Amino acid sequence: MNAHTSKPALSIDRFVESLRKHVANGKSLNLGVLKIPADLRLVTDDYQAISRDAFHHLPENTQVHRLENGMIACVKGGKWVDDDASFVEHVRETLEEVVERQGLGAVPENLWNRFQWPADKEKLGDIFGVSLSSGPTSGGYERFNMAEMLRGAVTTDAVFDSCRRQAIAHFDDSRRQVLGHEIYCSLDYLRQHHLASFLLEGSGELEVLLRVLDEKLMEVAASIAPSILPDRLHLNMKVQTVLGERFADFIEHDDGQLIANMAIEFSMENAIANWWEFEDACKFLHSLGIQVGLDRITLPALEFLSPRKMNVDFIKVIWDQNIVGSRRTEVAERLREFATLFSEQNLILTRCDSRTALRMGRSLGVDVFQGSYIDAMLGPYLQRECKTKRRSSDKRCAVCQWAPREARKNGCDFHFRAGKILTEV
């Protein structure tokens, strides 16, 4: 845990504004405030000592802010289930050393104060010595709903323009077959072409943006359903989105036909940070007949995962060319082990952007792949069957497969769907 001692101290106004932005999506925050008297005159080394000795006792994913009045605020989304007695004890020991060194001041009895925001904002205001009941402390900020602002700034058309479609293909000795497709929004394209002047401040605002993009992607998937079904669709979403109201509306679209052959992928970071919600989301999706996958698993992370305890239908492991480096044997054997346990096409090697990734994966027992190299391989097959041959090429057909907007502009179908056999010997 880091107290961010190298960063300037936050004003009360800025800190309270950040709290309001973090709960714009309707969720409450847990926070604690270390009421360190200004007359103790803590220096940078003192804050670093607190950071080194105490903050690792706080729950994971706790954000730490040093305030201009000398206090330290610790903010965490979700439940705060850990005991904080050890944390407070370590902080008190450091402050007592400061008092002994300087020969003045005293450690307050109410050193550590716990709150929920926004429920306890009046009590928090009492600690800060300001009034928070009638809005921001300085009166210079307007309270707004970050999620609603982003929903207006990020249009469904912009998300469709930024949508990408990647094939998931199965390879064996005699056959190449399309198993389905993942549809996702390219954040780079969206930022460059639709949000060039839009800046987000902090992880909280980015979290809200990702939730909004999940909602917009559901709208896009529903709007293009007639042209892409039947197909096996993979959508990458956040755990919180799946447990929200908008997802409930999404699964009812077109009498449930859209989810009849769907898979939802959660990133490993999102799942670990919200484990209990992740397990609830898996149970919910399985009850609907939707498969669940764990995405963005790195090769080093495989050494810390237990494949027999993962309650998912498939996993997606990121290809890393460093597998050919010094630790090739250990990493390769771990990948081979997972490929054996997740048999029947349930381990997908992603970001396969070169022939090496495909060849190495095949040699280690992986049969299913996704990435730009796989998309490029589809080009000749697509061009062979394209109905607009006079103005098509293998590269152009691959782009149509990759970008839904290109397929619509060229008047093309969505080409190959799940079950399409590309070659068979």
Protein backbone atom coordinates (compact mmCIF):
# COMPACT_ATOMS: atom_id res chain seq x y z
CA MET A 1 0.00 0.00 0.00
CA ASN A 2 1.33 3.48 -0.82
CA ALA A 3 0.53 6.77 0.88
CA HIS A 4 1.54 8.66 -2.24
CA THR A 5 3.91 10.78 -0.22
CA SER A 6 5.55 12.14 -3.36
CA LYS A 7 2.29 13.70 -4.58
CA PRO A 8 0.99 17.08 -3.40
CA ALA A 9 -1.50 16.99 -0.56
CA LEU A 10 -5.15 17.18 -1.61
CA SER A 11 -7.40 20.00 -0.55
CA ILE A 12 -10.62 19.08 1.24
CA ASP A 13 -12.55 20.41 -1.76
CA ARG A 14 -10.73 18.14 -4.22
CA PHE A 15 -11.03 15.11 -1.97
CA VAL A 16 -14.78 15.53 -1.42
CA GLU A 17 -15.24 16.13 -5.15
CA SER A 18 -13.49 12.80 -5.86
CA LEU A 19 -15.86 11.04 -3.44
CA ARG A 20 -18.86 12.45 -5.27
CA LYS A 21 -17.47 11.31 -8.63
CA HIS A 22 -16.75 7.81 -7.34
CA VAL A 23 -20.35 7.27 -6.25
CA ALA A 24 -21.87 8.70 -9.44
CA ASN A 25 -22.84 5.15 -10.43
CA GLY A 26 -24.93 4.72 -7.27
CA LYS A 27 -22.51 2.74 -5.11
CA SER A 28 -21.39 3.72 -1.63
CA LEU A 29 -17.79 3.94 -0.44
CA ASN A 30 -16.13 2.92 2.81
CA LEU A 31 -13.46 5.24 4.12
CA GLY A 32 -11.35 5.87 7.15
CA VAL A 33 -9.64 9.09 8.19
CA LEU A 34 -6.45 9.33 10.24
CA LYS A 35 -6.93 12.50 12.28
CA ILE A 36 -3.31 13.55 12.62
CA PRO A 37 -3.03 16.96 14.31
CA ALA A 38 -1.19 19.58 12.28
CA ASP A 39 0.90 20.54 15.35
CA LEU A 40 2.69 17.18 15.13
CA ARG A 41 4.44 18.59 12.04
CA LEU A 42 4.90 15.31 10.20
CA VAL A 43 7.61 15.42 7.58
CA THR A 44 7.84 13.33 4.41
CA ASP A 45 9.89 10.65 6.19
CA ASP A 46 7.11 10.26 8.77
CA TYR A 47 4.50 9.70 6.09
CA GLN A 48 6.81 7.22 4.41
CA ALA A 49 7.24 5.35 7.72
CA ILE A 50 3.47 5.09 8.07
CA SER A 51 3.22 3.91 4.48
CA ARG A 52 5.96 1.31 4.97
CA ASP A 53 4.85 -0.09 8.33
CA ALA A 54 1.07 0.32 8.42
CA PHE A 55 -0.73 0.58 5.10
CA HIS A 56 -0.18 -3.02 4.07
CA HIS A 57 -2.55 -3.92 6.95
CA LEU A 58 -5.45 -2.24 5.14
CA PRO A 59 -7.78 -4.21 2.82
CA GLU A 60 -6.68 -4.72 -0.77
CA ASN A 61 -7.59 -2.01 -3.33
CA THR A 62 -7.67 0.73 -0.70
CA GLN A 63 -6.82 4.17 -2.11
CA VAL A 64 -4.77 6.41 0.18
CA HIS A 65 -4.88 10.23 0.05
CA ARG A 66 -2.77 12.71 2.05
CA LEU A 67 -4.86 15.80 2.77
CA GLU A 68 -3.66 19.38 3.15
CA ASN A 69 -4.81 19.52 6.80
CA GLY A 70 -2.38 16.74 7.73
CA MET A 71 -4.99 13.98 7.81
CA ILE A 72 -4.81 10.80 5.73
CA ALA A 73 -7.93 9.40 4.08
CA CYS A 74 -8.24 5.72 3.07
CA VAL A 75 -11.01 4.95 0.57
CA LYS A 76 -12.32 1.55 -0.50
CA GLY A 77 -15.24 0.54 -2.68
CA GLY A 78 -17.34 -2.43 -1.56
CA LYS A 79 -17.24 -4.16 1.81
CA TRP A 80 -14.56 -3.42 4.40
CA VAL A 81 -14.38 -6.77 6.14
CA ASP A 82 -10.81 -6.76 7.50
CA ASP A 83 -9.95 -5.87 11.09
CA ASP A 84 -8.08 -2.56 11.18
CA ALA A 85 -6.74 -2.79 14.76
CA SER A 86 -3.24 -3.76 13.60
CA PHE A 87 -3.18 -0.85 11.15
CA VAL A 88 -4.15 1.67 13.85
CA GLU A 89 -1.58 0.22 16.26
CA HIS A 90 1.27 0.68 13.76
CA VAL A 91 0.22 4.25 12.98
CA ARG A 92 -0.02 5.10 16.70
CA GLU A 93 3.50 3.75 17.28
CA THR A 94 4.90 5.98 14.52
CA LEU A 95 3.13 9.07 15.86
CA GLU A 96 4.34 8.39 19.40
CA GLU A 97 7.90 8.32 18.03
CA VAL A 98 7.24 11.70 16.38
CA VAL A 99 5.94 13.15 19.67
CA GLU A 100 8.99 11.83 21.54
CA ARG A 101 11.37 13.21 18.91
CA GLN A 102 9.84 16.68 18.81
CA GLY A 103 8.86 16.98 22.46
CA LEU A 104 5.45 18.49 21.69
CA GLY A 105 1.92 17.52 20.71
CA ALA A 106 -0.06 14.40 21.57
CA VAL A 107 -1.61 11.48 19.72
CA PRO A 108 -5.41 12.00 19.72
CA GLU A 109 -7.71 9.38 21.19
CA ASN A 110 -9.95 9.43 18.11
CA LEU A 111 -7.01 8.87 15.78
CA TRP A 112 -8.87 6.57 13.36
CA ASN A 113 -12.43 7.28 12.23
CA ARG A 114 -14.50 5.07 9.93
CA PHE A 115 -17.29 6.37 7.65
CA GLN A 116 -19.55 5.41 4.76
CA TRP A 117 -20.04 7.87 1.95
CA PRO A 118 -22.49 9.46 1.33
CA ALA A 119 -24.42 8.20 4.40
CA ASP A 120 -21.97 9.71 6.92
CA LYS A 121 -21.06 12.91 5.08
CA GLU A 122 -22.18 15.14 7.97
CA LYS A 123 -19.95 13.21 10.42
CA LEU A 124 -17.09 13.43 7.92
CA GLY A 125 -17.67 17.17 7.69
CA ASP A 126 -17.37 17.43 11.49
CA ILE A 127 -13.95 15.74 11.35
CA PHE A 128 -12.83 18.16 8.63
CA GLY A 129 -14.43 21.15 10.35
CA VAL A 130 -16.58 22.05 7.33
CA SER A 131 -20.18 21.55 6.26
CA LEU A 132 -20.79 18.92 3.57
CA SER A 133 -24.58 18.68 3.86
CA SER A 134 -25.36 21.35 1.28
CA GLY A 135 -22.93 20.41 -1.48
CA PRO A 136 -19.18 20.83 -2.14
CA THR A 137 -17.19 22.57 0.55
CA SER A 138 -16.11 25.57 -1.49
CA GLY A 139 -19.35 26.04 -3.34
CA GLY A 140 -17.32 26.05 -6.54
CA TYR A 141 -18.23 22.54 -7.75
CA GLU A 142 -21.52 21.34 -9.07
CA ARG A 143 -22.57 17.84 -8.18
CA PHE A 144 -23.18 15.79 -11.29
CA ASN A 145 -23.74 12.22 -12.30
CA MET A 146 -20.58 11.05 -14.06
CA ALA A 147 -22.30 8.02 -15.58
CA GLU A 148 -25.07 10.14 -17.14
CA MET A 149 -22.54 12.60 -18.50
CA LEU A 150 -20.57 9.78 -20.14
CA ARG A 151 -23.72 8.20 -21.54
CA GLY A 152 -24.36 11.47 -23.33
CA ALA A 153 -20.77 11.94 -24.48
CA VAL A 154 -20.29 8.37 -25.76
CA THR A 155 -22.98 7.67 -28.34
CA THR A 156 -24.04 4.22 -29.50
CA ASP A 157 -22.96 5.18 -33.04
CA ALA A 158 -19.47 6.03 -31.77
CA VAL A 159 -19.21 2.66 -30.04
CA PHE A 160 -20.41 0.85 -33.18
CA ASP A 161 -17.80 2.76 -35.21
CA SER A 162 -15.17 1.59 -32.69
CA CYS A 163 -16.41 -2.00 -32.52
CA ARG A 164 -14.12 -4.86 -33.44
CA ARG A 165 -14.96 -8.48 -34.17
CA GLN A 166 -12.32 -11.16 -33.70
CA ALA A 167 -12.74 -14.76 -34.75
CA ILE A 168 -12.08 -17.61 -32.33
CA ALA A 169 -10.75 -20.50 -34.39
CA HIS A 170 -10.05 -24.16 -33.65
CA PHE A 171 -7.09 -25.92 -35.22
CA ASP A 172 -6.26 -29.58 -35.36
CA ASP A 173 -4.28 -31.75 -37.77
CA SER A 174 -7.04 -31.98 -40.34
CA ARG A 175 -9.46 -29.10 -39.78
CA ARG A 176 -9.73 -25.37 -39.20
CA GLN A 177 -13.07 -24.27 -37.85
CA VAL A 178 -14.63 -21.00 -36.61
CA LEU A 179 -16.01 -21.47 -33.08
CA GLY A 180 -17.40 -17.97 -32.60
CA HIS A 181 -16.50 -14.31 -32.33
CA GLU A 182 -15.69 -11.77 -29.67
CA ILE A 183 -17.18 -8.29 -30.12
CA TYR A 184 -15.51 -5.49 -28.19
CA CYS A 185 -14.98 -1.72 -28.32
CA SER A 186 -11.52 -0.46 -29.29
CA LEU A 187 -10.68 2.13 -26.64
CA ASP A 188 -7.80 3.50 -28.74
CA TYR A 189 -10.05 4.12 -31.76
CA LEU A 190 -12.82 5.56 -29.60
CA ARG A 191 -10.43 7.97 -27.89
CA GLN A 192 -8.74 9.13 -31.11
CA HIS A 193 -11.87 9.59 -33.22
CA HIS A 194 -14.71 10.32 -30.80
CA LEU A 195 -13.28 11.44 -27.43
CA ALA A 196 -10.12 13.26 -28.47
CA SER A 197 -10.73 16.21 -26.11
CA PHE A 198 -12.20 14.18 -23.28
CA LEU A 199 -9.93 13.56 -20.27
CA LEU A 200 -10.67 11.33 -17.30
CA GLU A 201 -9.15 11.93 -13.88
CA GLY A 202 -8.37 8.90 -11.78
CA SER A 203 -9.33 5.25 -11.76
CA GLY A 204 -12.84 6.01 -10.48
CA GLU A 205 -13.84 7.90 -13.62
CA LEU A 206 -12.28 5.24 -15.85
CA GLU A 207 -14.32 2.63 -13.97
CA VAL A 208 -17.52 4.55 -14.75
CA LEU A 209 -16.50 4.85 -18.42
CA LEU A 210 -15.98 1.09 -18.72
CA ARG A 211 -19.41 0.46 -17.21
CA VAL A 212 -20.98 2.87 -19.71
CA LEU A 213 -19.13 1.19 -22.59
CA ASP A 214 -20.52 -2.17 -21.45
CA GLU A 215 -24.03 -0.71 -21.70
CA LYS A 216 -23.36 0.79 -25.12
CA LEU A 217 -21.87 -2.47 -26.38
CA MET A 218 -25.03 -4.29 -25.32
CA GLU A 219 -27.03 -1.77 -27.36
CA VAL A 220 -24.77 -2.35 -30.37
CA ALA A 221 -25.03 -6.14 -30.05
CA ALA A 222 -28.82 -5.91 -29.89
CA SER A 223 -28.99 -3.57 -32.90
CA ILE A 224 -26.87 -5.77 -35.19
CA ALA A 225 -28.30 -9.06 -33.94
CA PRO A 226 -30.35 -9.70 -37.11
CA SER A 227 -27.17 -9.64 -39.22
CA ILE A 228 -24.93 -11.65 -36.92
CA LEU A 229 -27.19 -14.39 -35.62
CA PRO A 230 -26.93 -17.27 -35.41
CA ASP A 231 -23.39 -17.00 -34.10
CA ARG A 232 -21.60 -17.65 -30.88
CA LEU A 233 -20.88 -14.24 -29.41
CA HIS A 234 -18.32 -13.47 -26.73
CA LEU A 235 -18.79 -10.18 -24.88
CA ASN A 236 -16.24 -8.91 -22.38
CA MET A 237 -17.96 -7.19 -19.45
CA LYS A 238 -17.40 -6.10 -15.90
CA VAL A 239 -18.88 -8.10 -13.04
CA GLN A 240 -20.87 -5.07 -11.87
CA THR A 241 -22.49 -4.71 -15.30
CA VAL A 242 -23.80 -8.26 -15.30
CA LEU A 243 -25.40 -7.74 -11.90
CA GLY A 244 -27.02 -4.45 -12.99
CA GLU A 245 -30.47 -3.57 -14.33
CA ARG A 246 -29.37 -2.84 -17.89
CA PHE A 247 -28.03 -6.36 -18.32
CA ALA A 248 -31.39 -7.70 -17.14
CA ASP A 249 -33.03 -5.76 -19.99
CA PHE A 250 -30.37 -6.99 -22.43
CA ILE A 251 -30.98 -10.70 -21.81
CA GLU A 252 -34.68 -10.23 -22.51
CA HIS A 253 -34.03 -8.73 -25.95
CA ASP A 254 -35.79 -10.53 -28.80
CA ASP A 255 -37.27 -13.11 -26.41
CA GLY A 256 -33.82 -14.24 -25.31
CA GLN A 257 -32.57 -15.22 -28.77
CA LEU A 258 -29.51 -13.00 -28.43
CA ILE A 259 -28.20 -14.92 -25.41
CA ALA A 260 -29.12 -18.37 -26.72
CA ASN A 261 -25.50 -18.99 -27.75
CA MET A 262 -23.56 -16.39 -25.80
CA ALA A 263 -20.48 -16.31 -23.59
CA ILE A 264 -19.54 -13.55 -21.14
CA GLU A 265 -15.88 -12.95 -20.31
CA PHE A 266 -14.59 -11.29 -17.15
CA SER A 267 -11.04 -10.00 -16.88
CA MET A 268 -8.94 -11.68 -14.23
CA GLU A 269 -8.28 -8.29 -12.55
CA ASN A 270 -11.99 -7.49 -12.28
CA ALA A 271 -12.82 -10.97 -10.98
CA ILE A 272 -10.12 -10.96 -8.29
CA ALA A 273 -10.97 -7.42 -7.14
CA ASN A 274 -14.66 -8.35 -6.76
CA TRP A 275 -14.46 -12.07 -5.99
CA TRP A 276 -17.76 -12.56 -4.16
CA GLU A 277 -19.65 -10.58 -6.79
CA PHE A 278 -17.79 -12.54 -9.47
CA GLU A 279 -19.02 -15.84 -8.04
CA ASP A 280 -22.57 -14.47 -7.86
CA ALA A 281 -22.33 -13.34 -11.49
CA CYS A 282 -21.12 -16.79 -12.59
CA LYS A 283 -24.06 -18.50 -10.88
CA PHE A 284 -26.48 -16.00 -12.40
CA LEU A 285 -25.11 -16.44 -15.94
CA HIS A 286 -25.04 -20.22 -15.66
CA SER A 287 -28.70 -20.16 -14.58
CA LEU A 288 -29.45 -18.40 -17.88
CA GLY A 289 -27.48 -20.92 -19.93
CA ILE A 290 -24.72 -18.39 -20.67
CA GLN A 291 -21.16 -19.64 -20.55
CA VAL A 292 -18.61 -17.79 -18.42
CA GLY A 293 -14.94 -17.26 -19.16
CA LEU A 294 -11.97 -15.73 -17.37
CA ASP A 295 -10.05 -13.41 -19.69
CA ARG A 296 -6.68 -11.62 -19.69
CA ILE A 297 -4.75 -14.32 -17.85
CA THR A 298 -1.03 -13.81 -18.27
CA LEU A 299 1.42 -16.68 -18.60
CA PRO A 300 3.14 -15.85 -15.26
CA ALA A 301 -0.28 -15.79 -13.55
CA LEU A 302 -0.85 -19.43 -14.50
CA GLU A 303 1.62 -20.44 -11.80
CA PHE A 304 -0.68 -18.95 -9.13
CA LEU A 305 -4.00 -20.32 -10.39
CA SER A 306 -5.60 -23.63 -9.51
CA PRO A 307 -7.37 -24.93 -12.62
CA ARG A 308 -9.48 -27.38 -10.62
CA LYS A 309 -10.97 -24.60 -8.49
CA MET A 310 -11.93 -22.23 -11.29
CA ASN A 311 -15.70 -22.25 -11.71
CA VAL A 312 -15.66 -21.09 -15.32
CA ASP A 313 -16.39 -22.77 -18.65
CA PHE A 314 -13.26 -21.57 -20.43
CA ILE A 315 -10.17 -19.43 -19.88
CA LYS A 316 -8.30 -17.05 -22.20
CA VAL A 317 -4.53 -16.88 -21.80
CA ILE A 318 -2.52 -14.03 -23.31
CA TRP A 319 0.27 -15.14 -25.61
CA ASP A 320 3.64 -13.71 -24.63
CA GLN A 321 6.66 -14.04 -26.90
CA ASN A 322 8.84 -14.15 -23.77
CA ILE A 323 7.89 -17.81 -23.50
CA VAL A 324 10.81 -18.41 -25.83
CA GLY A 325 13.15 -16.77 -23.30
CA SER A 326 15.00 -18.03 -20.26
CA ARG A 327 11.95 -19.40 -18.43
CA ARG A 328 10.55 -21.18 -21.45
CA THR A 329 10.51 -24.65 -19.88
CA GLU A 330 8.61 -23.73 -16.69
CA VAL A 331 6.06 -21.49 -18.38
CA ALA A 332 5.57 -23.83 -21.32
CA GLU A 333 4.93 -26.82 -19.06
CA ARG A 334 2.40 -24.86 -17.02
CA LEU A 335 0.56 -23.84 -20.19
CA ARG A 336 0.63 -27.45 -21.38
CA GLU A 337 -0.87 -28.55 -18.03
CA PHE A 338 -3.72 -26.04 -18.34
CA ALA A 339 -4.33 -27.02 -21.97
CA THR A 340 -4.72 -30.65 -20.86
CA LEU A 341 -7.07 -29.84 -17.98
CA PHE A 342 -9.13 -27.37 -20.01
CA SER A 343 -9.64 -29.79 -22.85
CA GLU A 344 -12.45 -29.76 -25.40
CA GLN A 345 -11.64 -26.28 -26.73
CA ASN A 346 -11.89 -24.56 -23.33
CA LEU A 347 -8.48 -22.87 -23.31
CA ILE A 348 -8.12 -20.03 -25.81
CA LEU A 349 -4.73 -18.48 -26.55
CA THR A 350 -5.31 -14.78 -27.30
CA ARG A 351 -3.32 -11.94 -28.86
CA CYS A 352 -1.81 -14.37 -31.32
CA ASP A 353 -0.32 -11.77 -33.64
CA SER A 354 2.33 -13.93 -35.30
CA ARG A 355 2.81 -17.36 -36.76
CA THR A 356 5.12 -18.17 -33.83
CA ALA A 357 2.22 -17.85 -31.38
CA LEU A 358 0.15 -20.34 -33.35
CA ARG A 359 2.98 -22.85 -33.81
CA MET A 360 4.13 -22.67 -30.19
CA GLY A 361 0.57 -22.96 -28.91
CA ARG A 362 -0.12 -26.00 -31.07
CA SER A 363 3.10 -27.65 -29.86
CA LEU A 364 1.95 -27.20 -26.25
CA GLY A 365 -1.47 -28.74 -26.79
CA VAL A 366 -3.52 -25.58 -27.37
CA ASP A 367 -6.18 -25.95 -30.07
CA VAL A 368 -8.11 -22.65 -29.97
CA PHE A 369 -6.67 -19.26 -30.93
CA GLN A 370 -7.62 -15.60 -31.27
CA GLY A 371 -5.64 -12.61 -32.54
CA SER A 372 -4.70 -10.50 -35.52
CA TYR A 373 -2.75 -13.36 -37.16
CA ILE A 374 -5.87 -15.54 -37.01
CA ASP A 375 -7.96 -12.73 -38.53
CA ALA A 376 -5.44 -12.33 -41.36
CA MET A 377 -5.57 -16.06 -42.05
CA LEU A 378 -9.33 -15.79 -42.62
CA GLY A 379 -8.82 -13.28 -45.45
CA PRO A 380 -8.29 -15.73 -48.34
CA TYR A 381 -11.21 -17.93 -47.22
CA LEU A 382 -13.48 -14.90 -46.93
CA GLN A 383 -12.44 -13.48 -50.30
CA ARG A 384 -13.10 -16.83 -51.96
CA GLU A 385 -16.76 -16.73 -50.89
CA CYS A 386 -17.35 -12.96 -50.91
CA LYS A 387 -20.38 -11.93 -52.96
CA THR A 388 -18.71 -8.68 -54.01
CA LYS A 389 -15.65 -10.28 -55.61
CA ARG A 390 -15.03 -7.57 -58.19
CA ARG A 391 -14.13 -5.04 -55.53
CA SER A 392 -12.84 -7.35 -52.85
CA SER A 393 -9.48 -8.73 -51.82
CA ASP A 394 -8.35 -11.02 -49.03
CA LYS A 395 -7.15 -8.04 -46.99
CA ARG A 396 -10.37 -6.11 -47.53
CA CYS A 397 -12.48 -9.12 -46.58
CA ALA A 398 -10.42 -9.57 -43.42
CA VAL A 399 -11.11 -5.94 -42.50
CA CYS A 400 -14.84 -6.45 -43.11
CA GLN A 401 -14.74 -9.39 -40.74
CA TRP A 402 -12.79 -7.34 -38.19
CA ALA A 403 -14.74 -4.05 -38.25
CA PRO A 404 -18.57 -4.25 -38.38
CA ARG A 405 -18.73 -0.70 -39.72
CA GLU A 406 -16.74 -1.78 -42.80
CA ALA A 407 -19.06 -4.70 -43.47
CA ARG A 408 -22.06 -2.36 -43.27
CA LYS A 409 -20.40 0.24 -45.52
CA ASN A 410 -19.52 -2.37 -48.15
CA GLY A 411 -22.90 -4.05 -48.02
CA CYS A 412 -21.31 -7.33 -46.94
CA ASP A 413 -22.63 -10.07 -44.76
CA PHE A 414 -20.96 -10.90 -41.49
CA HIS A 415 -19.30 -13.72 -43.39
CA PHE A 416 -18.38 -16.84 -41.44
CA ARG A 417 -20.26 -17.68 -38.28
CA ALA A 418 -19.69 -20.31 -35.61
CA GLY A 419 -19.47 -23.82 -37.06
CA LYS A 420 -17.94 -22.73 -40.37
CA ILE A 421 -15.31 -25.25 -41.47
CA LEU A 422 -12.55 -23.42 -43.32
CA THR A 423 -10.59 -26.45 -44.43
CA GLU A 424 -10.77 -30.16 -43.90
CA VAL A 425 -8.42 -32.85 -45.08
